[in-house]
Amino acid sequence: MQDASNPKPKTREVDATPYAASLIEGHRDFGYSLETALADIIDNAITAGAQSVELIADTVANEPWIALADDGSGMTEAELIEAMRLGSKNPTDERETEDLGRFGLGLKSASFSQCRSLTVVTRQEGRTSCARWDLDRVAKRNDWSLELIDNPELVTGDDLLPETGTVVVWEKLDRLSGGYALDRAKRAEHMNSELSRAEHHLRLVFHRFLEGAKPRLKLSLNGRPLKPIDPMATSNAATQKDPEEILRLRQGDVLIRCHTLPHHKRMSREEWEETGGPEGHLKSQGLYVYREKRLIIAGGWLGLARQTELTKLCRIAVDIPNTMDAEWKIDVKKASAQLPPVVRERLRKVVERFVGTSKRTYRSRGQKLVDETRFPIWNRVHKDGQIVFRPNLDHPVFRTYAEQLPDELREGFERCLRIVGSGLPIETLHAELVGNAEAVTADETSAADLEELIYSLAVNLLENGMSTDALTDTMRNYAFLRSQWESVEPILQKFLVEVEQ
């Protein structure tokens, strides 16, 4: 019996099917870049069991195009039609462990973000199938009819199709023209620049698939193999690795591994620049979240710490299974995520401990560089709550020279040193160190000046009771001399010979 005090509303049904032209155009603006769009297509190839993916780009043709050819399992015509359907997967469905997909939107949305014509040619058990979405055709017809092509041999990229596998072809690249649609040379230059940026991204995102003597995946761009970029520099012997931690949750295990990259002097220039990426090490520090070995988040602390110069070599790899997609709020592009509260709390403790250790290490090293027992050229002074750097007027080189001056000139010499100290360009140094610290270096010391410094220090140390046997080790501990020891050692040996004589 219906409750008269709470009557149910009367309902009617109407057809509210989305307009095809409007909805499919909306799928162009999910926020994909070229690199994230290409990565999404490669995800599908990996899920299909591909061992090789070729990325081919013709940027100089009258009508430029991009194709990705894989040797995965391929598809039947029915499977192809389903793959071309928008929203072909329910994100809540259970998936295979190594399935990199989520919504069933990636192939279409990623492609539409870059082109107006998406063609897929696929072959399985000797049978070739081909389908196409052309947004101009959809705009005219305003329906969801997919084109099936019976003569795929006439389609661009068909010659890239292996015995079994799939080729995804992008044409009408309106989003990649850079506004140079009528200028072929500038258009090609712009597209090549975008592809270069995408190349770095792909080498980073899929680095775990590309690594090893027998990599799980081979990836090439216009016939050139792409090498992995490991943001943790795990193959470098100087990389510091903390013991891994495992956070066991109902949806699966979260694996946490902390790494400290080596100083730039212990890495090759190429390795240093690649691990730093286009924005440098200051921006690339932080968390690296992997979903089934595929990189989702590359750097940044997600609100758990600040990006500082002292922590720029700190990186934490966080591995999650695809069973946690909903909790981590993995987006369609698989390029961003949010920390679940329980993971955030655990990571906060890990980050605080890890970052704190790194800062102490740097500060300890900094204090050693200005330790008064090692005759620093600069003294670090606390003054009114601030830190001031002053030339050390008691440094043996300065003191020896000052003592040789007449009294009326000695005060002027020391005044010049004090002016040099007060004129230290703090703001400029800070800007350079924050943006490009590894490029900031001390000026070279002339042979004559270096000899004067070594002799003055050695004489002072001997006068203060140090033995000649301990002199070499003590001088080597002086950071300024250690950094150019090859030049220092023969000068010091010459001094010791002269002392013995």
Protein backbone atom coordinates (compact mmCIF):
# COMPACT_ATOMS: atom_id res chain seq x y z
CA MET A 1 0.00 0.00 0.00
CA GLN A 2 1.47 3.35 -1.05
CA ASP A 3 2.11 5.86 1.68
CA ALA A 4 -0.15 8.83 0.84
CA SER A 5 2.13 11.15 2.80
CA ASN A 6 5.11 10.29 0.61
CA PRO A 7 3.87 9.85 -2.98
CA LYS A 8 6.32 8.73 -5.65
CA PRO A 9 6.89 11.08 -8.61
CA LYS A 10 5.49 10.11 -11.98
CA THR A 11 8.18 9.49 -14.59
CA ARG A 12 8.44 9.39 -18.38
CA GLU A 13 11.30 8.30 -20.59
CA VAL A 14 12.89 10.22 -23.44
CA ASP A 15 15.88 9.43 -25.62
CA ALA A 16 18.90 11.41 -24.35
CA THR A 17 21.55 9.79 -26.52
CA PRO A 18 24.53 12.18 -26.73
CA TYR A 19 25.08 13.95 -30.03
CA ALA A 20 27.89 12.05 -31.68
CA ALA A 21 29.58 15.10 -33.19
CA SER A 22 29.62 17.01 -29.89
CA LEU A 23 30.68 14.12 -27.66
CA ILE A 24 33.44 12.87 -29.90
CA GLU A 25 34.86 16.39 -30.23
CA GLY A 26 34.78 16.62 -26.44
CA HIS A 27 37.05 13.57 -26.27
CA ARG A 28 39.77 15.66 -27.90
CA ASP A 29 40.21 17.77 -24.79
CA PHE A 30 41.00 15.36 -21.97
CA GLY A 31 44.35 17.07 -21.50
CA TYR A 32 46.60 14.75 -23.48
CA SER A 33 49.94 15.97 -24.78
CA LEU A 34 51.71 14.21 -27.65
CA GLU A 35 53.87 12.23 -25.23
CA THR A 36 50.99 11.07 -23.01
CA ALA A 37 48.92 10.20 -26.08
CA LEU A 38 51.70 8.06 -27.55
CA ALA A 39 52.25 6.39 -24.18
CA ASP A 40 48.58 5.42 -24.03
CA ILE A 41 48.77 3.70 -27.42
CA ILE A 42 51.91 1.84 -26.31
CA ASP A 43 50.05 0.72 -23.17
CA ASN A 44 47.57 -1.08 -25.42
CA ALA A 45 50.41 -2.76 -27.32
CA ILE A 46 52.01 -4.00 -24.08
CA THR A 47 48.66 -5.30 -22.85
CA ALA A 48 48.35 -7.17 -26.19
CA GLY A 49 51.67 -8.89 -25.47
CA ALA A 50 53.77 -6.89 -27.93
CA GLN A 51 57.53 -7.35 -27.75
CA SER A 52 58.25 -4.60 -30.27
CA VAL A 53 56.65 -1.23 -31.03
CA GLU A 54 57.74 0.92 -33.96
CA LEU A 55 56.88 4.61 -33.91
CA ILE A 56 57.00 6.05 -37.43
CA ALA A 57 56.45 9.74 -38.09
CA ASP A 58 56.43 11.43 -41.51
CA THR A 59 56.62 15.12 -40.68
CA VAL A 60 57.63 16.43 -44.12
CA ALA A 61 54.80 15.01 -46.24
CA ASN A 62 52.08 17.25 -47.59
CA GLU A 63 49.77 15.46 -45.18
CA PRO A 64 51.94 14.43 -42.18
CA TRP A 65 51.07 11.23 -40.32
CA ILE A 66 52.17 9.16 -37.34
CA ALA A 67 51.88 5.39 -36.95
CA LEU A 68 52.57 2.96 -34.11
CA ALA A 69 53.04 -0.65 -35.20
CA ASP A 70 53.21 -3.51 -32.69
CA ASP A 71 53.67 -7.27 -32.92
CA GLY A 72 51.10 -8.07 -30.25
CA SER A 73 48.24 -10.54 -30.49
CA GLY A 74 46.26 -8.53 -33.03
CA MET A 75 42.44 -8.50 -33.15
CA THR A 76 39.56 -10.09 -34.96
CA GLU A 77 37.12 -7.76 -36.68
CA ALA A 78 34.69 -8.08 -33.77
CA GLU A 79 37.44 -7.27 -31.27
CA LEU A 80 38.52 -4.31 -33.40
CA ILE A 81 35.02 -2.89 -33.46
CA GLU A 82 34.85 -3.23 -29.68
CA ALA A 83 38.27 -1.58 -29.29
CA MET A 84 37.11 1.36 -31.42
CA ARG A 85 33.99 1.78 -29.29
CA LEU A 86 34.21 4.72 -26.86
CA GLY A 87 34.17 3.45 -23.27
CA SER A 88 34.69 -0.18 -24.23
CA LYS A 89 35.83 -1.09 -20.69
CA ASN A 90 34.25 -0.66 -17.28
CA PRO A 91 36.97 0.66 -14.94
CA THR A 92 35.47 -1.38 -12.09
CA ASP A 93 35.85 -4.68 -13.97
CA GLU A 94 38.53 -7.07 -12.78
CA ARG A 95 41.50 -7.11 -15.18
CA GLU A 96 44.59 -9.16 -15.83
CA THR A 97 47.51 -8.29 -13.56
CA GLU A 98 49.55 -6.67 -16.34
CA ASP A 99 46.66 -4.89 -18.08
CA LEU A 100 47.71 -1.24 -18.42
CA GLY A 101 44.28 -0.02 -19.59
CA ARG A 102 41.47 1.26 -17.45
CA PHE A 103 38.48 3.00 -19.10
CA GLY A 104 38.58 1.73 -22.67
CA LEU A 105 38.96 5.35 -23.78
CA GLY A 106 42.73 5.61 -24.25
CA LEU A 107 43.00 4.54 -27.89
CA LYS A 108 40.28 6.93 -29.01
CA SER A 109 40.79 9.90 -26.69
CA ALA A 110 44.57 9.83 -27.00
CA SER A 111 44.33 9.65 -30.78
CA PHE A 112 41.63 12.31 -31.13
CA SER A 113 43.71 14.67 -28.99
CA GLN A 114 46.28 14.75 -31.79
CA CYS A 115 44.43 13.97 -35.01
CA ARG A 116 41.03 14.04 -36.74
CA SER A 117 41.46 10.69 -38.46
CA LEU A 118 42.21 7.48 -36.55
CA THR A 119 42.74 4.28 -38.52
CA VAL A 120 43.54 0.91 -36.98
CA VAL A 121 44.79 -2.01 -39.07
CA THR A 122 45.13 -5.34 -37.29
CA ARG A 123 45.91 -8.93 -38.22
CA GLN A 124 45.23 -12.14 -36.36
CA GLU A 125 45.62 -15.68 -37.72
CA GLY A 126 46.24 -14.33 -41.21
CA ARG A 127 43.04 -12.25 -41.36
CA THR A 128 43.39 -8.48 -41.65
CA SER A 129 40.74 -6.07 -40.34
CA CYS A 130 40.65 -2.29 -40.61
CA ALA A 131 38.46 0.42 -39.08
CA ARG A 132 38.49 4.21 -39.01
CA TRP A 133 37.05 7.10 -37.08
CA ASP A 134 37.09 10.33 -39.11
CA LEU A 135 35.87 13.26 -37.05
CA ASP A 136 34.94 15.27 -40.13
CA ARG A 137 32.68 12.41 -41.24
CA VAL A 138 31.15 12.15 -37.76
CA ALA A 139 30.52 15.90 -37.75
CA LYS A 140 28.58 15.66 -41.02
CA ARG A 141 26.57 12.55 -40.12
CA ASN A 142 26.25 13.14 -36.36
CA ASP A 143 25.99 9.42 -35.68
CA TRP A 144 28.14 6.64 -34.23
CA SER A 145 28.72 4.66 -37.41
CA LEU A 146 32.27 3.33 -37.59
CA GLU A 147 33.92 2.89 -40.98
CA LEU A 148 35.14 -0.63 -41.78
CA ILE A 149 37.67 -0.70 -44.63
CA ASP A 150 37.70 -3.78 -46.86
CA ASN A 151 40.90 -2.92 -48.76
CA PRO A 152 43.37 -2.04 -45.96
CA GLU A 153 46.32 -2.45 -48.35
CA LEU A 154 45.49 1.07 -49.56
CA VAL A 155 45.61 2.55 -46.05
CA THR A 156 48.64 4.53 -44.83
CA GLY A 157 50.79 2.33 -42.59
CA ASP A 158 49.47 -1.01 -43.87
CA ASP A 159 53.02 -1.93 -44.95
CA LEU A 160 54.09 -1.72 -41.28
CA LEU A 161 51.71 -4.49 -40.20
CA PRO A 162 53.55 -7.68 -39.12
CA GLU A 163 52.21 -11.22 -39.49
CA THR A 164 50.36 -10.73 -36.24
CA GLY A 165 49.87 -7.35 -34.65
CA THR A 166 48.29 -3.92 -34.94
CA VAL A 167 49.05 -0.57 -36.55
CA VAL A 168 47.49 2.65 -35.23
CA VAL A 169 47.62 5.49 -37.76
CA TRP A 170 47.02 9.17 -37.03
CA GLU A 171 46.22 11.47 -39.93
CA LYS A 172 44.89 15.03 -40.20
CA LEU A 173 47.26 16.09 -37.43
CA ASP A 174 45.62 19.45 -36.81
CA ARG A 175 46.78 19.62 -33.18
CA LEU A 176 50.43 19.12 -34.12
CA SER A 177 50.82 21.78 -36.78
CA GLY A 178 51.87 24.44 -34.25
CA GLY A 179 49.98 27.01 -36.27
CA TYR A 180 52.22 26.40 -39.29
CA ALA A 181 49.72 24.44 -41.38
CA LEU A 182 50.65 26.39 -44.52
CA ASP A 183 54.41 26.47 -43.89
CA ARG A 184 55.73 22.93 -44.39
CA ALA A 185 59.26 23.65 -43.18
CA LYS A 186 58.20 25.31 -39.91
CA ARG A 187 55.46 22.75 -39.39
CA ALA A 188 57.97 19.91 -39.73
CA GLU A 189 60.40 21.68 -37.38
CA HIS A 190 57.67 22.09 -34.77
CA MET A 191 56.52 18.47 -35.07
CA ASN A 192 60.08 17.18 -34.79
CA SER A 193 60.58 19.26 -31.65
CA GLU A 194 57.42 17.78 -30.13
CA LEU A 195 58.55 14.27 -31.07
CA SER A 196 61.92 14.87 -29.43
CA ARG A 197 60.17 15.83 -26.18
CA ALA A 198 57.91 12.79 -26.51
CA GLU A 199 60.92 10.54 -27.03
CA HIS A 200 62.37 11.48 -23.64
CA HIS A 201 58.99 10.89 -22.03
CA LEU A 202 58.60 7.41 -23.55
CA ARG A 203 62.12 6.38 -22.59
CA LEU A 204 61.31 7.40 -19.01
CA VAL A 205 57.76 6.08 -18.68
CA PHE A 206 58.57 2.63 -20.10
CA HIS A 207 62.15 2.36 -18.84
CA ARG A 208 61.44 -0.82 -16.87
CA PHE A 209 60.13 -2.50 -20.01
CA LEU A 210 63.16 -1.37 -22.05
CA GLU A 211 65.88 -2.36 -19.56
CA GLY A 212 68.11 -5.41 -19.49
CA ALA A 213 69.95 -7.64 -21.95
CA LYS A 214 66.62 -9.19 -22.93
CA PRO A 215 64.12 -6.35 -22.54
CA ARG A 216 60.43 -7.07 -22.37
CA LEU A 217 59.81 -4.39 -25.01
CA LYS A 218 61.79 -2.92 -27.89
CA LEU A 219 60.73 0.59 -28.83
CA SER A 220 61.99 2.57 -31.82
CA LEU A 221 61.39 5.96 -33.41
CA ASN A 222 61.79 6.07 -37.19
CA GLY A 223 63.99 2.98 -37.01
CA ARG A 224 66.19 4.22 -34.16
CA PRO A 225 66.03 2.10 -30.96
CA LEU A 226 65.09 4.05 -27.83
CA LYS A 227 67.17 3.41 -24.73
CA PRO A 228 65.64 3.51 -21.23
CA ILE A 229 66.08 6.42 -18.85
CA ASP A 230 66.11 5.14 -15.28
CA PRO A 231 65.21 8.08 -12.99
CA MET A 232 66.69 6.18 -10.02
CA ALA A 233 70.06 5.60 -11.76
CA THR A 234 70.06 2.14 -10.17
CA SER A 235 72.87 0.89 -12.42
CA ASN A 236 75.24 3.57 -11.08
CA ALA A 237 77.35 2.14 -8.29
CA ALA A 238 77.31 5.49 -6.48
CA THR A 239 73.51 5.57 -6.14
CA GLN A 240 72.45 5.08 -2.53
CA LYS A 241 69.53 2.68 -2.00
CA ASP A 242 67.61 2.33 1.25
CA PRO A 243 65.97 -1.01 2.20
CA GLU A 244 62.56 -1.38 0.56
CA GLU A 245 59.35 -1.09 2.56
CA ILE A 246 56.06 -2.86 1.85
CA LEU A 247 52.67 -1.44 2.80
CA ARG A 248 50.16 -4.29 2.71
CA LEU A 249 46.60 -3.17 1.97
CA ARG A 250 43.35 -4.92 1.17
CA GLN A 251 43.63 -4.02 -2.54
CA GLY A 252 47.27 -5.13 -2.80
CA ASP A 253 50.81 -4.29 -1.74
CA VAL A 254 52.50 -0.88 -2.13
CA LEU A 255 56.28 -1.17 -2.52
CA ILE A 256 58.38 1.84 -1.44
CA ARG A 257 62.07 2.24 -2.31
CA CYS A 258 64.19 5.32 -1.55
CA HIS A 259 67.16 6.34 -3.73
CA THR A 260 69.71 9.12 -3.53
CA LEU A 261 71.31 9.94 -6.86
CA PRO A 262 75.08 10.41 -7.08
CA HIS A 263 76.67 13.84 -7.23
CA HIS A 264 76.85 15.10 -10.81
CA LYS A 265 80.63 14.59 -10.82
CA ARG A 266 80.05 10.86 -10.37
CA MET A 267 77.74 10.58 -13.36
CA SER A 268 78.36 11.10 -17.06
CA ARG A 269 77.04 14.37 -18.46
CA GLU A 270 74.52 12.46 -20.59
CA GLU A 271 73.27 10.41 -17.62
CA TRP A 272 73.02 13.52 -15.44
CA GLU A 273 70.99 15.45 -18.01
CA GLU A 274 68.73 12.51 -18.80
CA THR A 275 67.88 11.76 -15.17
CA GLY A 276 67.25 15.47 -14.58
CA GLY A 277 64.95 15.76 -17.59
CA PRO A 278 64.00 18.96 -19.41
CA GLU A 279 63.35 20.87 -16.15
CA GLY A 280 66.44 19.73 -14.24
CA HIS A 281 66.99 17.85 -11.00
CA LEU A 282 65.35 20.44 -8.76
CA LYS A 283 62.00 19.78 -10.44
CA SER A 284 62.47 16.04 -10.93
CA GLN A 285 63.08 15.16 -7.26
CA GLY A 286 60.38 13.39 -5.28
CA LEU A 287 57.95 10.53 -5.81
CA TYR A 288 57.91 8.23 -8.84
CA VAL A 289 54.72 6.20 -8.88
CA TYR A 290 54.65 3.04 -11.01
CA ARG A 291 51.51 1.12 -11.94
CA GLU A 292 52.40 -2.38 -13.13
CA LYS A 293 55.98 -1.19 -13.89
CA ARG A 294 54.65 1.70 -16.00
CA LEU A 295 55.54 5.18 -14.67
CA ILE A 296 52.47 7.27 -13.78
CA ILE A 297 53.93 10.15 -11.77
CA ALA A 298 57.47 11.39 -12.42
CA GLY A 299 58.68 13.62 -9.61
CA GLY A 300 57.14 16.07 -7.17
CA TRP A 301 56.35 15.46 -3.52
CA LEU A 302 52.53 15.59 -3.76
CA GLY A 303 52.42 17.95 -0.79
CA LEU A 304 54.63 15.79 1.45
CA ALA A 305 57.76 17.96 1.20
CA ARG A 306 59.15 21.01 -0.53
CA GLN A 307 61.41 20.95 -3.53
CA THR A 308 64.76 22.28 -2.32
CA GLU A 309 68.34 22.25 -3.50
CA LEU A 310 69.25 20.07 -0.51
CA THR A 311 66.83 17.32 -1.59
CA LYS A 312 67.17 17.48 -5.37
CA LEU A 313 68.88 14.08 -5.52
CA CYS A 314 66.14 12.36 -3.47
CA ARG A 315 63.80 10.03 -5.34
CA ILE A 316 61.29 7.52 -4.03
CA ALA A 317 59.90 4.75 -6.24
CA VAL A 318 56.36 3.72 -5.29
CA ASP A 319 54.93 0.61 -6.98
CA ILE A 320 51.19 -0.07 -7.00
CA PRO A 321 49.07 -2.77 -8.70
CA ASN A 322 46.23 -1.94 -11.10
CA THR A 323 43.78 -3.13 -8.43
CA MET A 324 44.28 0.23 -6.69
CA ASP A 325 43.24 2.48 -9.59
CA ALA A 326 40.07 3.71 -7.89
CA GLU A 327 41.83 4.46 -4.58
CA TRP A 328 44.65 6.29 -6.34
CA LYS A 329 42.22 8.05 -8.73
CA ILE A 330 44.26 7.19 -11.81
CA ASP A 331 43.04 9.47 -14.59
CA VAL A 332 42.19 8.57 -18.18
CA LYS A 333 45.63 9.65 -19.41
CA LYS A 334 47.34 7.55 -16.72
CA ALA A 335 49.48 10.61 -16.11
CA SER A 336 48.30 11.66 -12.64
CA ALA A 337 47.08 10.16 -9.39
CA GLN A 338 46.20 11.07 -5.82
CA LEU A 339 47.57 9.48 -2.67
CA PRO A 340 45.02 7.47 -0.68
CA PRO A 341 44.94 8.64 2.97
CA VAL A 342 46.50 5.46 4.38
CA VAL A 343 49.32 5.58 1.83
CA ARG A 344 49.82 9.32 2.33
CA GLU A 345 50.28 8.82 6.07
CA ARG A 346 52.87 6.07 5.58
CA LEU A 347 54.70 7.97 2.85
CA ARG A 348 54.77 11.12 4.97
CA LYS A 349 56.87 9.30 7.56
CA VAL A 350 59.11 7.79 4.89
CA VAL A 351 59.64 11.15 3.21
CA GLU A 352 60.32 12.99 6.48
CA ARG A 353 62.96 10.45 7.45
CA PHE A 354 64.51 10.25 3.98
CA VAL A 355 64.56 13.98 3.31
CA GLY A 356 65.84 14.70 6.81
CA THR A 357 68.76 12.33 6.31
CA SER A 358 69.60 13.94 2.98
CA LYS A 359 69.57 17.44 4.45
CA ARG A 360 71.82 16.40 7.33
CA THR A 361 74.25 14.85 4.86
CA TYR A 362 74.42 18.04 2.81
CA ARG A 363 74.72 20.27 5.87
CA SER A 364 77.46 18.10 7.31
CA ARG A 365 79.35 18.37 4.05
CA GLY A 366 78.81 22.10 4.00
CA GLN A 367 80.11 22.48 7.54
CA LYS A 368 83.22 20.50 6.68
CA LEU A 369 83.94 22.85 3.80
CA VAL A 370 84.07 25.79 6.18
CA ASP A 371 85.55 23.98 9.19
CA GLU A 372 87.96 26.42 10.85
CA THR A 373 90.61 23.74 11.37
CA ARG A 374 91.05 23.47 7.60
CA PHE A 375 91.82 27.13 6.90
CA PRO A 376 88.73 28.06 4.87
CA ILE A 377 89.00 30.99 2.51
CA TRP A 378 85.48 31.96 3.62
CA ASN A 379 84.14 31.95 7.18
CA ARG A 380 80.47 31.13 7.82
CA VAL A 381 79.23 33.54 10.51
CA HIS A 382 75.87 33.74 12.33
CA LYS A 383 74.86 37.39 12.71
CA ASP A 384 71.48 38.60 14.01
CA GLY A 385 69.75 35.38 13.00
CA GLN A 386 71.27 35.43 9.52
CA ILE A 387 74.18 33.61 7.91
CA VAL A 388 77.02 35.75 6.55
CA PHE A 389 80.06 34.61 4.57
CA ARG A 390 83.24 36.64 5.13
CA PRO A 391 86.75 36.26 3.71
CA ASN A 392 88.95 34.63 6.34
CA LEU A 393 91.54 37.31 7.05
CA ASP A 394 93.53 34.79 9.09
CA HIS A 395 93.97 32.45 6.14
CA PRO A 396 97.70 31.73 5.75
CA VAL A 397 97.83 33.18 2.23
CA PHE A 398 96.15 36.44 3.27
CA ARG A 399 98.07 36.69 6.53
CA THR A 400 101.46 35.95 4.94
CA TYR A 401 100.89 38.62 2.29
CA ALA A 402 99.57 41.15 4.83
CA GLU A 403 102.63 40.68 7.03
CA GLN A 404 104.86 41.54 4.08
CA LEU A 405 103.07 44.86 3.54
CA PRO A 406 104.05 48.15 5.22
CA ASP A 407 101.75 49.06 8.09
CA GLU A 408 100.09 51.87 6.10
CA LEU A 409 99.03 49.40 3.35
CA ARG A 410 98.02 46.46 5.53
CA GLU A 411 94.70 48.01 6.62
CA GLY A 412 93.87 48.87 3.00
CA PHE A 413 94.50 45.29 1.92
CA GLU A 414 92.22 43.91 4.62
CA ARG A 415 89.58 46.52 3.73
CA CYS A 416 89.63 45.28 0.13
CA LEU A 417 89.01 41.72 1.32
CA ARG A 418 86.11 42.86 3.49
CA ILE A 419 84.57 44.73 0.53
CA VAL A 420 84.85 41.59 -1.61
CA GLY A 421 82.96 39.71 1.13
CA SER A 422 80.19 42.29 1.48
CA GLY A 423 79.84 42.37 -2.32
CA LEU A 424 79.12 38.65 -2.57
CA PRO A 425 76.22 38.40 -5.12
CA ILE A 426 73.89 36.37 -2.90
CA GLU A 427 70.70 36.79 -4.98
CA THR A 428 72.45 35.92 -8.24
CA LEU A 429 74.13 32.90 -6.68
CA HIS A 430 70.84 31.72 -5.24
CA ALA A 431 69.08 32.02 -8.60
CA GLU A 432 71.84 30.10 -10.35
CA LEU A 433 72.03 27.38 -7.69
CA VAL A 434 68.28 26.82 -7.64
CA GLY A 435 67.99 26.58 -11.40
CA ASN A 436 71.25 25.00 -12.46
CA ALA A 437 73.48 24.24 -9.49
CA GLU A 438 75.71 21.74 -11.24
CA ALA A 439 76.75 24.40 -13.77
CA VAL A 440 77.99 26.77 -11.05
CA THR A 441 81.68 26.23 -10.41
CA ALA A 442 84.68 28.05 -8.97
CA ASP A 443 87.02 29.97 -11.21
CA GLU A 444 90.25 28.21 -12.15
CA THR A 445 93.31 28.92 -10.00
CA SER A 446 96.54 29.78 -11.79
CA ALA A 447 99.56 27.56 -11.18
CA ALA A 448 101.41 30.38 -9.41
CA ASP A 449 98.46 31.17 -7.12
CA LEU A 450 97.94 27.49 -6.36
CA GLU A 451 101.60 27.08 -5.44
CA GLU A 452 101.46 30.12 -3.17
CA LEU A 453 98.38 28.72 -1.44
CA ILE A 454 99.93 25.28 -0.91
CA TYR A 455 103.21 26.65 0.39
CA SER A 456 101.47 29.03 2.78
CA LEU A 457 99.18 26.33 4.15
CA ALA A 458 102.00 23.81 4.49
CA VAL A 459 104.28 26.24 6.31
CA ASN A 460 101.47 27.22 8.67
CA LEU A 461 100.62 23.59 9.44
CA LEU A 462 104.26 22.69 10.11
CA GLU A 463 104.68 25.75 12.34
CA ASN A 464 101.67 24.56 14.36
CA GLY A 465 103.31 21.22 15.11
CA MET A 466 102.15 18.97 12.26
CA SER A 467 104.63 16.35 11.05
CA THR A 468 105.65 16.19 7.39
CA ASP A 469 104.29 12.59 7.27
CA ALA A 470 100.76 13.82 8.09
CA LEU A 471 100.91 16.83 5.78
CA THR A 472 99.74 15.08 2.59
CA ASP A 473 96.65 13.47 4.16
CA THR A 474 95.72 16.73 5.88
CA MET A 475 96.02 18.73 2.68
CA ARG A 476 93.99 16.12 0.80
CA ASN A 477 91.15 16.63 3.28
CA TYR A 478 90.99 20.28 2.29
CA ALA A 479 88.05 20.28 -0.19
CA PHE A 480 89.44 23.02 -2.42
CA LEU A 481 92.73 21.17 -2.88
CA ARG A 482 91.13 17.74 -3.17
CA SER A 483 89.03 18.92 -6.13
CA GLN A 484 92.23 19.58 -8.12
CA TRP A 485 94.57 17.08 -6.50
CA GLU A 486 96.33 16.17 -9.74
CA SER A 487 97.76 19.69 -9.85
CA VAL A 488 98.25 19.99 -6.10
CA GLU A 489 100.19 16.77 -5.48
CA PRO A 490 103.35 17.59 -7.51
CA ILE A 491 103.53 21.05 -5.90
CA LEU A 492 103.23 19.52 -2.44
CA GLN A 493 105.89 16.91 -3.23
CA LYS A 494 108.18 19.69 -4.39
CA PHE A 495 107.61 21.52 -1.10
CA LEU A 496 108.37 18.39 0.95
CA VAL A 497 111.61 17.84 -0.96
CA GLU A 498 112.62 21.41 -0.24
CA VAL A 499 111.79 21.00 3.48
CA GLU A 500 113.91 17.83 3.74
CA GLN A 501 116.80 19.63 2.11
